[in-house]
Amino acid sequence: MTIQIKLSLDLNANDIDALRTLVDHPEAVAAAAALHDPRLQARIIGVLAEIKSQLTEY
């Protein structure tokens, strides 16, 4: 089952850079968040990839 989530974020340039850093380095984020859980790491990587695919260029 999937759930569609729509977010509306008001981000300044620094916040956008921080978000881009997260989505540009999903493996590092996943490793830091779920050090010993490869399944959770894979899910985190997938979620960040989905977020990245929805971001528009600024």
C-alpha atoms as a PDB file:
ATOM      1  CA  MET A   1       0.000   0.000   0.000  1.00  0.00           C
ATOM      2  CA  THR A   2       1.227   3.492  -0.785  1.00  0.00           C
ATOM      3  CA  ILE A   3       0.103   6.841   0.560  1.00  0.00           C
ATOM      4  CA  GLN A   4       0.502  10.039  -1.417  1.00  0.00           C
ATOM      5  CA  ILE A   5       1.925  12.869   0.678  1.00  0.00           C
ATOM      6  CA  LYS A   6       2.052  16.458  -0.541  1.00  0.00           C
ATOM      7  CA  LEU A   7       4.262  18.935   1.280  1.00  0.00           C
ATOM      8  CA  SER A   8       4.386  22.681   1.019  1.00  0.00           C
ATOM      9  CA  LEU A   9       7.620  24.035   2.467  1.00  0.00           C
ATOM     10  CA  ASP A  10       8.772  27.636   2.781  1.00  0.00           C
ATOM     11  CA  LEU A  11      12.548  27.337   2.614  1.00  0.00           C
ATOM     12  CA  ASN A  12      15.211  29.988   2.323  1.00  0.00           C
ATOM     13  CA  ALA A  13      18.254  29.432   0.106  1.00  0.00           C
ATOM     14  CA  ASN A  14      20.282  27.869   2.930  1.00  0.00           C
ATOM     15  CA  ASP A  15      17.461  25.470   3.782  1.00  0.00           C
ATOM     16  CA  ILE A  16      17.139  24.465   0.122  1.00  0.00           C
ATOM     17  CA  ASP A  17      20.875  23.771   0.045  1.00  0.00           C
ATOM     18  CA  ALA A  18      20.523  21.611   3.162  1.00  0.00           C
ATOM     19  CA  LEU A  19      17.630  19.668   1.635  1.00  0.00           C
ATOM     20  CA  ARG A  20      19.577  19.162  -1.592  1.00  0.00           C
ATOM     21  CA  THR A  21      22.540  17.868   0.415  1.00  0.00           C
ATOM     22  CA  LEU A  22      20.290  15.278   2.052  1.00  0.00           C
ATOM     23  CA  VAL A  23      18.760  14.058  -1.206  1.00  0.00           C
ATOM     24  CA  ASP A  24      22.113  14.131  -3.023  1.00  0.00           C
ATOM     25  CA  HIS A  25      23.697  11.827  -0.408  1.00  0.00           C
ATOM     26  CA  PRO A  26      21.012   9.282   0.483  1.00  0.00           C
ATOM     27  CA  GLU A  27      23.471   6.501   1.315  1.00  0.00           C
ATOM     28  CA  ALA A  28      25.259   8.654   3.892  1.00  0.00           C
ATOM     29  CA  VAL A  29      21.963   9.784   5.410  1.00  0.00           C
ATOM     30  CA  ALA A  30      20.711   6.203   5.586  1.00  0.00           C
ATOM     31  CA  ALA A  31      23.933   4.937   7.135  1.00  0.00           C
ATOM     32  CA  ALA A  32      23.809   7.636   9.811  1.00  0.00           C
ATOM     33  CA  ALA A  33      20.122   7.088  10.570  1.00  0.00           C
ATOM     34  CA  ALA A  34      20.078   3.280  10.539  1.00  0.00           C
ATOM     35  CA  LEU A  35      23.634   2.127  11.083  1.00  0.00           C
ATOM     36  CA  HIS A  36      22.875  -1.569  11.619  1.00  0.00           C
ATOM     37  CA  ASP A  37      19.614  -1.975   9.684  1.00  0.00           C
ATOM     38  CA  PRO A  38      20.149  -2.526   5.946  1.00  0.00           C
ATOM     39  CA  ARG A  39      16.412  -2.822   5.273  1.00  0.00           C
ATOM     40  CA  LEU A  40      15.692   0.542   6.858  1.00  0.00           C
ATOM     41  CA  GLN A  41      18.669   2.017   5.016  1.00  0.00           C
ATOM     42  CA  ALA A  42      17.183   0.833   1.717  1.00  0.00           C
ATOM     43  CA  ARG A  43      13.826   2.403   2.576  1.00  0.00           C
ATOM     44  CA  ILE A  44      15.461   5.700   3.548  1.00  0.00           C
ATOM     45  CA  ILE A  45      17.423   5.740   0.294  1.00  0.00           C
ATOM     46  CA  GLY A  46      14.222   5.083  -1.644  1.00  0.00           C
ATOM     47  CA  VAL A  47      12.315   7.846   0.122  1.00  0.00           C
ATOM     48  CA  LEU A  48      15.105  10.358  -0.458  1.00  0.00           C
ATOM     49  CA  ALA A  49      15.270   9.360  -4.128  1.00  0.00           C
ATOM     50  CA  GLU A  50      11.522   9.950  -4.431  1.00  0.00           C
ATOM     51  CA  ILE A  51      11.850  13.363  -2.771  1.00  0.00           C
ATOM     52  CA  LYS A  52      14.727  14.261  -5.088  1.00  0.00           C
ATOM     53  CA  SER A  53      12.690  13.284  -8.143  1.00  0.00           C
ATOM     54  CA  GLN A  54       9.966  15.730  -7.079  1.00  0.00           C
ATOM     55  CA  LEU A  55      12.209  18.734  -6.418  1.00  0.00           C
ATOM     56  CA  THR A  56      12.271  21.463  -9.029  1.00  0.00           C
ATOM     57  CA  GLU A  57      15.377  23.416  -9.907  1.00  0.00           C
ATOM     58  CA  TYR A  58      15.937  26.764  -8.180  1.00  0.00           C
END
